[in-house]
Amino acid sequence: MKIQYTLDNDVVARAATQLNWEINKIDGPFYIIKNERMINAKSIIGLLSGNLHKGDTITIEFESEDSADKVREIFNEIGREV
């Protein structure tokens, strides 16, 4: 499943750590796609190296459709769905 978000804030240090902690509660692979670059969001290094900044539009890709509500809950904290 894929969902697009526009970020309201930069995802650095503390925000990346909190985001990573919440994402790791979701089963299966979880990726953030920015400018055709696929970032493993279950890796803190992946999140930090993804250069996720305010105004960026990202695509969130995950397997479990059952997790869609939880994903939206997590990402509504840092952005808005497109």
C-alpha atoms as a PDB file:
ATOM      1  CA  MET A   1       0.000   0.000   0.000  1.00  0.00           C
ATOM      2  CA  LYS A   2       1.210   3.532  -0.723  1.00  0.00           C
ATOM      3  CA  ILE A   3       0.279   6.863   0.867  1.00  0.00           C
ATOM      4  CA  GLN A   4       1.713  10.297   0.002  1.00  0.00           C
ATOM      5  CA  TYR A   5       2.493  12.993   2.561  1.00  0.00           C
ATOM      6  CA  THR A   6       3.897  16.507   2.489  1.00  0.00           C
ATOM      7  CA  LEU A   7       6.093  17.151   5.520  1.00  0.00           C
ATOM      8  CA  ASP A   8       5.330  20.064   7.847  1.00  0.00           C
ATOM      9  CA  ASN A   9       8.665  19.750   9.675  1.00  0.00           C
ATOM     10  CA  ASP A  10      12.187  18.444   9.160  1.00  0.00           C
ATOM     11  CA  VAL A  11      12.772  14.853  10.245  1.00  0.00           C
ATOM     12  CA  VAL A  12      16.087  15.093  12.117  1.00  0.00           C
ATOM     13  CA  ALA A  13      17.518  13.669  15.348  1.00  0.00           C
ATOM     14  CA  ARG A  14      14.698  13.437  17.900  1.00  0.00           C
ATOM     15  CA  ALA A  15      11.885  13.407  15.307  1.00  0.00           C
ATOM     16  CA  ALA A  16      13.662  10.662  13.321  1.00  0.00           C
ATOM     17  CA  THR A  17      14.165   8.594  16.471  1.00  0.00           C
ATOM     18  CA  GLN A  18      10.514   8.879  17.487  1.00  0.00           C
ATOM     19  CA  LEU A  19       9.344   8.145  13.947  1.00  0.00           C
ATOM     20  CA  ASN A  20      11.621   5.097  13.736  1.00  0.00           C
ATOM     21  CA  TRP A  21      10.371   3.814  17.094  1.00  0.00           C
ATOM     22  CA  GLU A  22       6.720   4.005  15.950  1.00  0.00           C
ATOM     23  CA  ILE A  23       7.421   2.532  12.499  1.00  0.00           C
ATOM     24  CA  ASN A  24       9.170  -0.476  14.018  1.00  0.00           C
ATOM     25  CA  LYS A  25       5.873  -1.415  15.721  1.00  0.00           C
ATOM     26  CA  ILE A  26       4.380  -2.112  12.261  1.00  0.00           C
ATOM     27  CA  ASP A  27       4.874  -5.585  10.801  1.00  0.00           C
ATOM     28  CA  GLY A  28       6.622  -6.079   7.496  1.00  0.00           C
ATOM     29  CA  PRO A  29       8.863  -3.893   5.380  1.00  0.00           C
ATOM     30  CA  PHE A  30       8.332  -0.144   5.506  1.00  0.00           C
ATOM     31  CA  TYR A  31       9.840   2.336   3.064  1.00  0.00           C
ATOM     32  CA  ILE A  32       9.766   6.061   2.443  1.00  0.00           C
ATOM     33  CA  ILE A  33      10.305   7.123  -1.152  1.00  0.00           C
ATOM     34  CA  LYS A  34      11.650  10.613  -1.858  1.00  0.00           C
ATOM     35  CA  ASN A  35      12.741  11.668  -5.345  1.00  0.00           C
ATOM     36  CA  GLU A  36      12.714   8.013  -6.487  1.00  0.00           C
ATOM     37  CA  ARG A  37      15.097   7.067  -3.656  1.00  0.00           C
ATOM     38  CA  MET A  38      13.813   4.259  -1.424  1.00  0.00           C
ATOM     39  CA  ILE A  39      14.646   4.680   2.277  1.00  0.00           C
ATOM     40  CA  ASN A  40      14.306   1.840   4.772  1.00  0.00           C
ATOM     41  CA  ALA A  41      12.276   3.622   7.459  1.00  0.00           C
ATOM     42  CA  LYS A  42      12.906   0.828   9.966  1.00  0.00           C
ATOM     43  CA  SER A  43      16.540   1.963  10.053  1.00  0.00           C
ATOM     44  CA  ILE A  44      17.404   5.113  12.000  1.00  0.00           C
ATOM     45  CA  ILE A  45      20.406   5.592   9.704  1.00  0.00           C
ATOM     46  CA  GLY A  46      18.079   5.316   6.699  1.00  0.00           C
ATOM     47  CA  LEU A  47      15.773   7.994   8.105  1.00  0.00           C
ATOM     48  CA  LEU A  48      18.606  10.363   8.952  1.00  0.00           C
ATOM     49  CA  SER A  49      20.314   9.915   5.577  1.00  0.00           C
ATOM     50  CA  GLY A  50      17.006  10.442   3.768  1.00  0.00           C
ATOM     51  CA  ASN A  51      17.240  14.230   4.138  1.00  0.00           C
ATOM     52  CA  LEU A  52      13.533  14.592   4.915  1.00  0.00           C
ATOM     53  CA  HIS A  53      12.766  18.295   5.161  1.00  0.00           C
ATOM     54  CA  LYS A  54       9.765  20.582   5.558  1.00  0.00           C
ATOM     55  CA  GLY A  55       7.860  20.843   2.282  1.00  0.00           C
ATOM     56  CA  ASP A  56       9.115  17.532   0.865  1.00  0.00           C
ATOM     57  CA  THR A  57       6.496  15.232  -0.613  1.00  0.00           C
ATOM     58  CA  ILE A  58       7.182  11.612   0.249  1.00  0.00           C
ATOM     59  CA  THR A  59       5.534   8.310  -0.566  1.00  0.00           C
ATOM     60  CA  ILE A  60       5.148   5.825   2.248  1.00  0.00           C
ATOM     61  CA  GLU A  61       5.146   2.188   1.134  1.00  0.00           C
ATOM     62  CA  PHE A  62       4.209  -0.723   3.390  1.00  0.00           C
ATOM     63  CA  GLU A  63       2.661  -4.177   2.989  1.00  0.00           C
ATOM     64  CA  SER A  64      -0.100  -4.516   5.549  1.00  0.00           C
ATOM     65  CA  GLU A  65      -3.324  -2.734   4.628  1.00  0.00           C
ATOM     66  CA  ASP A  66      -4.395  -3.407   8.226  1.00  0.00           C
ATOM     67  CA  SER A  67      -1.695  -0.935   9.299  1.00  0.00           C
ATOM     68  CA  ALA A  68      -2.972   1.976   7.176  1.00  0.00           C
ATOM     69  CA  ASP A  69      -4.759   3.704  10.083  1.00  0.00           C
ATOM     70  CA  LYS A  70      -1.672   3.423  12.298  1.00  0.00           C
ATOM     71  CA  VAL A  71       0.560   4.756   9.497  1.00  0.00           C
ATOM     72  CA  ARG A  72      -1.735   7.741   9.018  1.00  0.00           C
ATOM     73  CA  GLU A  73      -1.750   8.364  12.778  1.00  0.00           C
ATOM     74  CA  ILE A  74       2.070   8.371  12.838  1.00  0.00           C
ATOM     75  CA  PHE A  75       2.553  10.587   9.784  1.00  0.00           C
ATOM     76  CA  ASN A  76      -0.241  13.047  10.632  1.00  0.00           C
ATOM     77  CA  GLU A  77       2.099  14.178  13.427  1.00  0.00           C
ATOM     78  CA  ILE A  78       4.748  15.352  10.944  1.00  0.00           C
ATOM     79  CA  GLY A  79       2.804  16.173   7.800  1.00  0.00           C
ATOM     80  CA  ARG A  80      -0.419  16.076   5.858  1.00  0.00           C
ATOM     81  CA  GLU A  81      -1.728  13.503   3.416  1.00  0.00           C
ATOM     82  CA  VAL A  82      -1.711  14.540  -0.233  1.00  0.00           C
END
